[in-house]
Amino acid sequence: MPRPRLFLACAGACAVLSALAGSSSAGRATPIAKARWLDRVLITEYYPVPERWFRGKLISAPGLIGKHRADWLYGGGGVSMEGDGIGLDGGRYHIYRTGDQGWVDEHGKPTVPGVQGWSRGFPFWRGVGWRNRRGQVTFPLAGGGWFRGAPKRYIGPAGIEFGTGPSRPLDFWRSIAVDPSLIPMGSRVFVPELCGTPGRGWTIAEDIGGAIIGRHIDVYRPAPAGPHVKSDVWRDARIFVIPPEAKPPKRLPRCGDSGLRGAP
């Protein structure tokens, strides 16, 4: 089942990505049919986010047997956003379905993704959980008390479900999420900025995301050392796309070619 991620690479880079979301070239387009270079691409990163980075109270969630931190489950930097996560027990978990409950900002107001970014800024929380008397998002903390005061109402999850294990068999530094209306799934994609990674710049379009729109790809990578370590973001990058049914060129681009950005 395709992952229901709406936006990616959040932990440690939310502010950067929110500002850059509108910089990728606009619009859905005809899928690429022939091998060619694609310019003006926004490149971001995402990863299985560790639960140990969060401080919410352990709570039950649909689809899971054990309890997990509230903000890891539903927060804008948690597994509900990244799609995959690593629990306190070291196990892998993912969000299986999102239902009809989208995202809200810290004031509890809906925010939705688009070509120009999020309508009310980067999401703070999924549209479930606790709201204080002012309608702001709050949640119980592991150490006791509440993030932003005691709640006045609770919105239960409707259609949201989590699952154990990874959502897809993705490979670090080799799998990317794309907008399939532009880059077909299964395409081989050369990204010069990734020449220093194990794939030597070559990746495969194996994932999707609702806010990966147009000329925007998201690179699957291991989690950084901590929540405040920013992921890399590249603007106006140039990538080479080979769709699954396309004939590859006689000479493929490779790291070290003259003029390639990202080549060592």
C-alpha atoms as a PDB file:
ATOM      1  CA  MET A   1       0.000   0.000   0.000  1.00  0.00           C
ATOM      2  CA  PRO A   2       1.459   3.424  -0.932  1.00  0.00           C
ATOM      3  CA  ARG A   3       2.446   5.501   2.027  1.00  0.00           C
ATOM      4  CA  PRO A   4       0.007   8.293   2.887  1.00  0.00           C
ATOM      5  CA  ARG A   5       2.677  10.892   3.672  1.00  0.00           C
ATOM      6  CA  LEU A   6       1.682  14.490   3.021  1.00  0.00           C
ATOM      7  CA  PHE A   7       5.045  16.141   3.465  1.00  0.00           C
ATOM      8  CA  LEU A   8       8.479  14.908   4.316  1.00  0.00           C
ATOM      9  CA  ALA A   9      11.867  15.417   5.899  1.00  0.00           C
ATOM     10  CA  CYS A  10      10.304  17.366   8.714  1.00  0.00           C
ATOM     11  CA  ALA A  11      12.357  16.738  11.863  1.00  0.00           C
ATOM     12  CA  GLY A  12      15.015  19.430  12.153  1.00  0.00           C
ATOM     13  CA  ALA A  13      14.082  21.018   8.820  1.00  0.00           C
ATOM     14  CA  CYS A  14      10.396  21.988   9.002  1.00  0.00           C
ATOM     15  CA  ALA A  15      10.992  25.728   8.814  1.00  0.00           C
ATOM     16  CA  VAL A  16      13.363  25.401   5.883  1.00  0.00           C
ATOM     17  CA  LEU A  17      11.052  23.147   3.916  1.00  0.00           C
ATOM     18  CA  SER A  18       8.010  25.289   4.577  1.00  0.00           C
ATOM     19  CA  ALA A  19       9.851  28.270   3.143  1.00  0.00           C
ATOM     20  CA  LEU A  20      11.119  26.331   0.145  1.00  0.00           C
ATOM     21  CA  ALA A  21       7.973  24.405  -0.733  1.00  0.00           C
ATOM     22  CA  GLY A  22       6.878  27.074  -3.169  1.00  0.00           C
ATOM     23  CA  SER A  23      10.268  27.252  -4.873  1.00  0.00           C
ATOM     24  CA  SER A  24       9.796  24.069  -6.872  1.00  0.00           C
ATOM     25  CA  SER A  25       8.396  24.737 -10.319  1.00  0.00           C
ATOM     26  CA  ALA A  26       4.620  24.747 -10.240  1.00  0.00           C
ATOM     27  CA  GLY A  27       2.095  22.367 -11.489  1.00  0.00           C
ATOM     28  CA  ARG A  28       1.237  18.858 -12.373  1.00  0.00           C
ATOM     29  CA  ALA A  29       2.499  17.931 -15.815  1.00  0.00           C
ATOM     30  CA  THR A  30       2.587  15.187 -18.406  1.00  0.00           C
ATOM     31  CA  PRO A  31       4.728  12.291 -17.114  1.00  0.00           C
ATOM     32  CA  ILE A  32       8.244  12.194 -18.517  1.00  0.00           C
ATOM     33  CA  ALA A  33       8.359   9.611 -21.326  1.00  0.00           C
ATOM     34  CA  LYS A  34      11.961   9.873 -22.559  1.00  0.00           C
ATOM     35  CA  ALA A  35      15.263   9.934 -20.719  1.00  0.00           C
ATOM     36  CA  ARG A  36      16.190  13.552 -20.100  1.00  0.00           C
ATOM     37  CA  TRP A  37      17.503  16.149 -17.705  1.00  0.00           C
ATOM     38  CA  LEU A  38      15.013  17.955 -15.505  1.00  0.00           C
ATOM     39  CA  ASP A  39      15.900  21.435 -14.220  1.00  0.00           C
ATOM     40  CA  ARG A  40      14.721  23.601 -11.307  1.00  0.00           C
ATOM     41  CA  VAL A  41      14.145  20.673  -8.954  1.00  0.00           C
ATOM     42  CA  LEU A  42      13.712  20.952  -5.182  1.00  0.00           C
ATOM     43  CA  ILE A  43      15.459  18.100  -3.315  1.00  0.00           C
ATOM     44  CA  THR A  44      14.596  17.274   0.294  1.00  0.00           C
ATOM     45  CA  GLU A  45      15.209  14.306   2.598  1.00  0.00           C
ATOM     46  CA  TYR A  46      13.112  12.090   4.868  1.00  0.00           C
ATOM     47  CA  TYR A  47      13.761   9.186   7.222  1.00  0.00           C
ATOM     48  CA  PRO A  48      12.221   6.868   9.863  1.00  0.00           C
ATOM     49  CA  VAL A  49      11.887   9.301  12.776  1.00  0.00           C
ATOM     50  CA  PRO A  50      12.988   8.053  16.258  1.00  0.00           C
ATOM     51  CA  GLU A  51      10.372   8.098  19.013  1.00  0.00           C
ATOM     52  CA  ARG A  52      13.082   8.955  21.571  1.00  0.00           C
ATOM     53  CA  TRP A  53      13.182  12.500  20.191  1.00  0.00           C
ATOM     54  CA  PHE A  54       9.688  13.215  21.544  1.00  0.00           C
ATOM     55  CA  ARG A  55       8.331  14.019  25.022  1.00  0.00           C
ATOM     56  CA  GLY A  56       4.620  13.252  24.916  1.00  0.00           C
ATOM     57  CA  LYS A  57       2.840  10.786  27.167  1.00  0.00           C
ATOM     58  CA  LEU A  58       2.597   7.154  26.067  1.00  0.00           C
ATOM     59  CA  ILE A  59      -0.877   6.568  24.616  1.00  0.00           C
ATOM     60  CA  SER A  60      -2.724   3.868  22.699  1.00  0.00           C
ATOM     61  CA  ALA A  61      -3.244   4.276  18.948  1.00  0.00           C
ATOM     62  CA  PRO A  62      -5.386   2.478  16.345  1.00  0.00           C
ATOM     63  CA  GLY A  63      -3.594  -0.544  14.899  1.00  0.00           C
ATOM     64  CA  LEU A  64      -0.880  -0.746  17.573  1.00  0.00           C
ATOM     65  CA  ILE A  65      -0.765  -3.096  20.555  1.00  0.00           C
ATOM     66  CA  GLY A  66       1.635  -1.117  22.749  1.00  0.00           C
ATOM     67  CA  LYS A  67       1.631   2.556  23.707  1.00  0.00           C
ATOM     68  CA  HIS A  68       3.703   5.305  22.099  1.00  0.00           C
ATOM     69  CA  ARG A  69       4.398   8.992  22.630  1.00  0.00           C
ATOM     70  CA  ALA A  70       1.488  11.204  21.584  1.00  0.00           C
ATOM     71  CA  ASP A  71       3.582  13.748  19.681  1.00  0.00           C
ATOM     72  CA  TRP A  72       5.530  11.020  17.877  1.00  0.00           C
ATOM     73  CA  LEU A  73       2.237   9.554  16.653  1.00  0.00           C
ATOM     74  CA  TYR A  74       0.404  12.721  15.634  1.00  0.00           C
ATOM     75  CA  GLY A  75       2.825  15.671  15.658  1.00  0.00           C
ATOM     76  CA  GLY A  76       4.112  17.421  12.545  1.00  0.00           C
ATOM     77  CA  GLY A  77       7.592  15.980  13.089  1.00  0.00           C
ATOM     78  CA  GLY A  78       6.480  12.441  13.929  1.00  0.00           C
ATOM     79  CA  VAL A  79       5.595   9.185  12.245  1.00  0.00           C
ATOM     80  CA  SER A  80       2.247  10.508  11.015  1.00  0.00           C
ATOM     81  CA  MET A  81       4.171  13.019   8.890  1.00  0.00           C
ATOM     82  CA  GLU A  82       7.366  11.123   8.005  1.00  0.00           C
ATOM     83  CA  GLY A  83       5.394   7.945   7.341  1.00  0.00           C
ATOM     84  CA  ASP A  84       7.846   5.674   9.169  1.00  0.00           C
ATOM     85  CA  GLY A  85       9.427   5.680  12.596  1.00  0.00           C
ATOM     86  CA  ILE A  86      11.603   3.811  15.076  1.00  0.00           C
ATOM     87  CA  GLY A  87       9.871   3.140  18.402  1.00  0.00           C
ATOM     88  CA  LEU A  88      11.353   3.336  21.884  1.00  0.00           C
ATOM     89  CA  ASP A  89      11.558  -0.455  21.738  1.00  0.00           C
ATOM     90  CA  GLY A  90      13.693  -0.284  18.574  1.00  0.00           C
ATOM     91  CA  GLY A  91      10.894  -1.645  16.408  1.00  0.00           C
ATOM     92  CA  ARG A  92       9.783  -0.135  13.111  1.00  0.00           C
ATOM     93  CA  TYR A  93       6.331   1.416  12.770  1.00  0.00           C
ATOM     94  CA  HIS A  94       4.414   3.304  10.104  1.00  0.00           C
ATOM     95  CA  ILE A  95       1.134   5.070   9.477  1.00  0.00           C
ATOM     96  CA  TYR A  96      -1.070   2.746   7.453  1.00  0.00           C
ATOM     97  CA  ARG A  97      -3.982   5.043   6.625  1.00  0.00           C
ATOM     98  CA  THR A  98      -4.817   8.656   7.443  1.00  0.00           C
ATOM     99  CA  GLY A  99      -8.602   8.752   7.082  1.00  0.00           C
ATOM    100  CA  ASP A 100     -10.107  12.171   6.429  1.00  0.00           C
ATOM    101  CA  GLN A 101      -8.319  13.990   9.246  1.00  0.00           C
ATOM    102  CA  GLY A 102      -5.726  16.276   7.725  1.00  0.00           C
ATOM    103  CA  TRP A 103      -3.269  18.665   9.391  1.00  0.00           C
ATOM    104  CA  VAL A 104      -3.647  21.755  11.566  1.00  0.00           C
ATOM    105  CA  ASP A 105      -1.337  24.528  12.720  1.00  0.00           C
ATOM    106  CA  GLU A 106      -0.570  25.108  16.404  1.00  0.00           C
ATOM    107  CA  HIS A 107      -3.795  27.106  16.721  1.00  0.00           C
ATOM    108  CA  GLY A 108      -5.873  24.167  15.522  1.00  0.00           C
ATOM    109  CA  LYS A 109      -6.613  25.727  12.120  1.00  0.00           C
ATOM    110  CA  PRO A 110      -6.478  23.475   9.020  1.00  0.00           C
ATOM    111  CA  THR A 111      -3.409  23.747   6.806  1.00  0.00           C
ATOM    112  CA  VAL A 112      -3.188  21.972   3.453  1.00  0.00           C
ATOM    113  CA  PRO A 113      -0.315  21.428   0.993  1.00  0.00           C
ATOM    114  CA  GLY A 114      -0.121  23.049  -2.410  1.00  0.00           C
ATOM    115  CA  VAL A 115       2.326  24.112  -5.075  1.00  0.00           C
ATOM    116  CA  GLN A 116       3.104  27.295  -3.132  1.00  0.00           C
ATOM    117  CA  GLY A 117       3.548  25.513   0.207  1.00  0.00           C
ATOM    118  CA  TRP A 118       1.147  25.002   3.103  1.00  0.00           C
ATOM    119  CA  SER A 119      -1.920  27.235   3.354  1.00  0.00           C
ATOM    120  CA  ARG A 120      -1.304  28.154   7.021  1.00  0.00           C
ATOM    121  CA  GLY A 121       2.338  27.227   7.342  1.00  0.00           C
ATOM    122  CA  PHE A 122       3.912  23.891   8.160  1.00  0.00           C
ATOM    123  CA  PRO A 123       1.625  21.491  10.092  1.00  0.00           C
ATOM    124  CA  PHE A 124       1.935  21.272  13.842  1.00  0.00           C
ATOM    125  CA  TRP A 125      -0.424  18.352  14.478  1.00  0.00           C
ATOM    126  CA  ARG A 126      -2.787  16.013  12.689  1.00  0.00           C
ATOM    127  CA  GLY A 127      -6.480  16.954  12.972  1.00  0.00           C
ATOM    128  CA  VAL A 128      -7.055  14.753  16.018  1.00  0.00           C
ATOM    129  CA  GLY A 129      -6.329  14.956  19.726  1.00  0.00           C
ATOM    130  CA  TRP A 130      -6.626  17.636  22.384  1.00  0.00           C
ATOM    131  CA  ARG A 131      -7.504  21.329  22.120  1.00  0.00           C
ATOM    132  CA  ASN A 132      -7.365  23.867  24.931  1.00  0.00           C
ATOM    133  CA  ARG A 133     -10.012  26.520  25.624  1.00  0.00           C
ATOM    134  CA  ARG A 134      -8.544  28.729  22.866  1.00  0.00           C
ATOM    135  CA  GLY A 135      -8.659  25.923  20.316  1.00  0.00           C
ATOM    136  CA  GLN A 136      -4.871  25.493  20.327  1.00  0.00           C
ATOM    137  CA  VAL A 137      -3.250  22.075  20.146  1.00  0.00           C
ATOM    138  CA  THR A 138      -2.190  20.615  23.479  1.00  0.00           C
ATOM    139  CA  PHE A 139      -1.174  17.106  24.526  1.00  0.00           C
ATOM    140  CA  PRO A 140      -0.178  15.221  27.698  1.00  0.00           C
ATOM    141  CA  LEU A 141       3.538  15.195  28.536  1.00  0.00           C
ATOM    142  CA  ALA A 142       5.539  12.189  29.703  1.00  0.00           C
ATOM    143  CA  GLY A 143       6.727  14.120  32.763  1.00  0.00           C
ATOM    144  CA  GLY A 144       3.223  15.192  33.715  1.00  0.00           C
ATOM    145  CA  GLY A 145       1.081  18.172  32.798  1.00  0.00           C
ATOM    146  CA  TRP A 146       0.111  19.425  29.358  1.00  0.00           C
ATOM    147  CA  PHE A 147       1.983  20.998  26.468  1.00  0.00           C
ATOM    148  CA  ARG A 148      -0.252  24.084  26.320  1.00  0.00           C
ATOM    149  CA  GLY A 149      -2.670  23.842  29.210  1.00  0.00           C
ATOM    150  CA  ALA A 150      -5.427  21.406  30.048  1.00  0.00           C
ATOM    151  CA  PRO A 151      -7.724  20.361  27.193  1.00  0.00           C
ATOM    152  CA  LYS A 152     -11.341  21.457  26.819  1.00  0.00           C
ATOM    153  CA  ARG A 153     -12.190  18.976  24.108  1.00  0.00           C
ATOM    154  CA  TYR A 154     -10.823  15.888  22.442  1.00  0.00           C
ATOM    155  CA  ILE A 155     -11.118  14.892  18.766  1.00  0.00           C
ATOM    156  CA  GLY A 156     -10.869  11.128  18.397  1.00  0.00           C
ATOM    157  CA  PRO A 157      -9.063   9.494  15.476  1.00  0.00           C
ATOM    158  CA  ALA A 158     -11.413   8.614  12.626  1.00  0.00           C
ATOM    159  CA  GLY A 159      -9.983   6.341   9.951  1.00  0.00           C
ATOM    160  CA  ILE A 160      -6.393   6.773  11.113  1.00  0.00           C
ATOM    161  CA  GLU A 161      -4.485   3.534  11.623  1.00  0.00           C
ATOM    162  CA  PHE A 162      -0.863   2.662  12.323  1.00  0.00           C
ATOM    163  CA  GLY A 163       1.008  -0.555  11.578  1.00  0.00           C
ATOM    164  CA  THR A 164       4.144  -2.407  12.585  1.00  0.00           C
ATOM    165  CA  GLY A 165       7.202  -2.724  10.386  1.00  0.00           C
ATOM    166  CA  PRO A 166       8.293  -0.325   7.629  1.00  0.00           C
ATOM    167  CA  SER A 167       5.663   0.919   5.183  1.00  0.00           C
ATOM    168  CA  ARG A 168       7.662  -0.040   2.096  1.00  0.00           C
ATOM    169  CA  PRO A 169      10.927  -1.846   1.341  1.00  0.00           C
ATOM    170  CA  LEU A 170      12.910   1.322   0.742  1.00  0.00           C
ATOM    171  CA  ASP A 171      16.708   1.646   0.661  1.00  0.00           C
ATOM    172  CA  PHE A 172      18.607   4.514   2.274  1.00  0.00           C
ATOM    173  CA  TRP A 173      20.101   6.925  -0.265  1.00  0.00           C
ATOM    174  CA  ARG A 174      18.711   4.860  -3.174  1.00  0.00           C
ATOM    175  CA  SER A 175      14.921   5.332  -2.857  1.00  0.00           C
ATOM    176  CA  ILE A 176      13.180   8.626  -3.548  1.00  0.00           C
ATOM    177  CA  ALA A 177       9.613   9.910  -3.358  1.00  0.00           C
ATOM    178  CA  VAL A 178       8.291  11.697  -6.442  1.00  0.00           C
ATOM    179  CA  ASP A 179       5.199  13.205  -7.984  1.00  0.00           C
ATOM    180  CA  PRO A 180       4.207  10.368 -10.370  1.00  0.00           C
ATOM    181  CA  SER A 181       2.329  12.811 -12.591  1.00  0.00           C
ATOM    182  CA  LEU A 182       5.777  14.081 -13.620  1.00  0.00           C
ATOM    183  CA  ILE A 183       8.304  11.345 -12.755  1.00  0.00           C
ATOM    184  CA  PRO A 184       6.844   7.852 -13.292  1.00  0.00           C
ATOM    185  CA  MET A 185       7.189   5.330 -10.506  1.00  0.00           C
ATOM    186  CA  GLY A 186      10.090   2.982 -11.124  1.00  0.00           C
ATOM    187  CA  SER A 187      12.136   5.643 -12.929  1.00  0.00           C
ATOM    188  CA  ARG A 188      15.885   5.637 -12.465  1.00  0.00           C
ATOM    189  CA  VAL A 189      16.956   9.099 -11.381  1.00  0.00           C
ATOM    190  CA  PHE A 190      20.507  10.444 -11.285  1.00  0.00           C
ATOM    191  CA  VAL A 191      20.982  13.129  -8.631  1.00  0.00           C
ATOM    192  CA  PRO A 192      24.464  14.742  -8.748  1.00  0.00           C
ATOM    193  CA  GLU A 193      24.025  16.073  -5.202  1.00  0.00           C
ATOM    194  CA  LEU A 194      24.044  12.435  -4.011  1.00  0.00           C
ATOM    195  CA  CYS A 195      27.353  11.462  -5.609  1.00  0.00           C
ATOM    196  CA  GLY A 196      28.882  11.023  -2.160  1.00  0.00           C
ATOM    197  CA  THR A 197      26.291   8.429  -1.082  1.00  0.00           C
ATOM    198  CA  PRO A 198      26.359   4.625  -1.567  1.00  0.00           C
ATOM    199  CA  GLY A 199      24.311   4.808  -4.764  1.00  0.00           C
ATOM    200  CA  ARG A 200      26.814   7.233  -6.335  1.00  0.00           C
ATOM    201  CA  GLY A 201      23.972   9.521  -7.335  1.00  0.00           C
ATOM    202  CA  TRP A 202      21.617   6.889  -8.763  1.00  0.00           C
ATOM    203  CA  THR A 203      18.195   6.448  -7.168  1.00  0.00           C
ATOM    204  CA  ILE A 204      14.842   4.831  -7.962  1.00  0.00           C
ATOM    205  CA  ALA A 205      11.410   6.481  -7.747  1.00  0.00           C
ATOM    206  CA  GLU A 206       9.748   4.128  -5.261  1.00  0.00           C
ATOM    207  CA  ASP A 207       7.599   6.326  -3.026  1.00  0.00           C
ATOM    208  CA  ILE A 208       5.044   9.147  -3.219  1.00  0.00           C
ATOM    209  CA  GLY A 209       3.852  12.020  -1.041  1.00  0.00           C
ATOM    210  CA  GLY A 210       0.827  14.285  -1.298  1.00  0.00           C
ATOM    211  CA  ALA A 211       2.969  17.421  -0.968  1.00  0.00           C
ATOM    212  CA  ILE A 212       5.664  16.180  -3.338  1.00  0.00           C
ATOM    213  CA  ILE A 213       4.290  18.220  -6.199  1.00  0.00           C
ATOM    214  CA  GLY A 214       5.884  18.777  -9.582  1.00  0.00           C
ATOM    215  CA  ARG A 215       9.658  19.270  -9.645  1.00  0.00           C
ATOM    216  CA  HIS A 216      10.288  18.036  -6.124  1.00  0.00           C
ATOM    217  CA  ILE A 217      11.945  14.778  -5.061  1.00  0.00           C
ATOM    218  CA  ASP A 218      12.464  13.474  -1.525  1.00  0.00           C
ATOM    219  CA  VAL A 219      15.463  11.287  -0.720  1.00  0.00           C
ATOM    220  CA  TYR A 220      15.114   8.452   1.804  1.00  0.00           C
ATOM    221  CA  ARG A 221      18.031   8.488   4.245  1.00  0.00           C
ATOM    222  CA  PRO A 222      18.952   7.306   7.763  1.00  0.00           C
ATOM    223  CA  ALA A 223      17.800   9.542  10.608  1.00  0.00           C
ATOM    224  CA  PRO A 224      20.348  12.224  11.578  1.00  0.00           C
ATOM    225  CA  ALA A 225      22.114  12.211  14.935  1.00  0.00           C
ATOM    226  CA  GLY A 226      19.440  14.267  16.647  1.00  0.00           C
ATOM    227  CA  PRO A 227      16.205  16.208  16.122  1.00  0.00           C
ATOM    228  CA  HIS A 228      18.016  19.519  15.727  1.00  0.00           C
ATOM    229  CA  VAL A 229      20.366  18.299  12.996  1.00  0.00           C
ATOM    230  CA  LYS A 230      18.986  19.660   9.743  1.00  0.00           C
ATOM    231  CA  SER A 231      18.552  17.505   6.681  1.00  0.00           C
ATOM    232  CA  ASP A 232      20.036  18.750   3.444  1.00  0.00           C
ATOM    233  CA  VAL A 233      17.868  20.772   1.072  1.00  0.00           C
ATOM    234  CA  TRP A 234      18.844  21.718  -2.479  1.00  0.00           C
ATOM    235  CA  ARG A 235      17.081  24.290  -4.617  1.00  0.00           C
ATOM    236  CA  ASP A 236      17.127  24.625  -8.389  1.00  0.00           C
ATOM    237  CA  ALA A 237      18.891  21.281  -8.789  1.00  0.00           C
ATOM    238  CA  ARG A 238      19.273  19.362 -12.048  1.00  0.00           C
ATOM    239  CA  ILE A 239      18.489  15.634 -12.217  1.00  0.00           C
ATOM    240  CA  PHE A 240      18.471  13.020 -14.984  1.00  0.00           C
ATOM    241  CA  VAL A 241      15.324  10.885 -15.290  1.00  0.00           C
ATOM    242  CA  ILE A 242      15.046   7.545 -17.113  1.00  0.00           C
ATOM    243  CA  PRO A 243      11.396   6.358 -17.100  1.00  0.00           C
ATOM    244  CA  PRO A 244      10.838   2.567 -16.804  1.00  0.00           C
ATOM    245  CA  GLU A 245       9.877   2.075 -20.466  1.00  0.00           C
ATOM    246  CA  ALA A 246      12.316   4.588 -21.927  1.00  0.00           C
ATOM    247  CA  LYS A 247      15.454   3.697 -23.832  1.00  0.00           C
ATOM    248  CA  PRO A 248      18.506   4.758 -21.804  1.00  0.00           C
ATOM    249  CA  PRO A 249      21.112   6.942 -23.518  1.00  0.00           C
ATOM    250  CA  LYS A 250      24.281   5.372 -24.868  1.00  0.00           C
ATOM    251  CA  ARG A 251      26.242   7.091 -22.142  1.00  0.00           C
ATOM    252  CA  LEU A 252      24.711   7.535 -18.712  1.00  0.00           C
ATOM    253  CA  PRO A 253      25.633  10.550 -16.589  1.00  0.00           C
ATOM    254  CA  ARG A 254      28.000   9.707 -13.765  1.00  0.00           C
ATOM    255  CA  CYS A 255      29.763  11.288 -10.843  1.00  0.00           C
ATOM    256  CA  GLY A 256      32.890  13.079 -11.937  1.00  0.00           C
ATOM    257  CA  ASP A 257      31.453  14.342 -15.232  1.00  0.00           C
ATOM    258  CA  SER A 258      32.576  17.866 -15.925  1.00  0.00           C
ATOM    259  CA  GLY A 259      30.086  20.515 -14.868  1.00  0.00           C
ATOM    260  CA  LEU A 260      27.939  18.271 -12.660  1.00  0.00           C
ATOM    261  CA  ARG A 261      26.888  19.953  -9.441  1.00  0.00           C
ATOM    262  CA  GLY A 262      27.287  17.616  -6.493  1.00  0.00           C
ATOM    263  CA  ALA A 263      30.083  15.601  -8.088  1.00  0.00           C
ATOM    264  CA  PRO A 264      33.159  15.139  -5.875  1.00  0.00           C
END
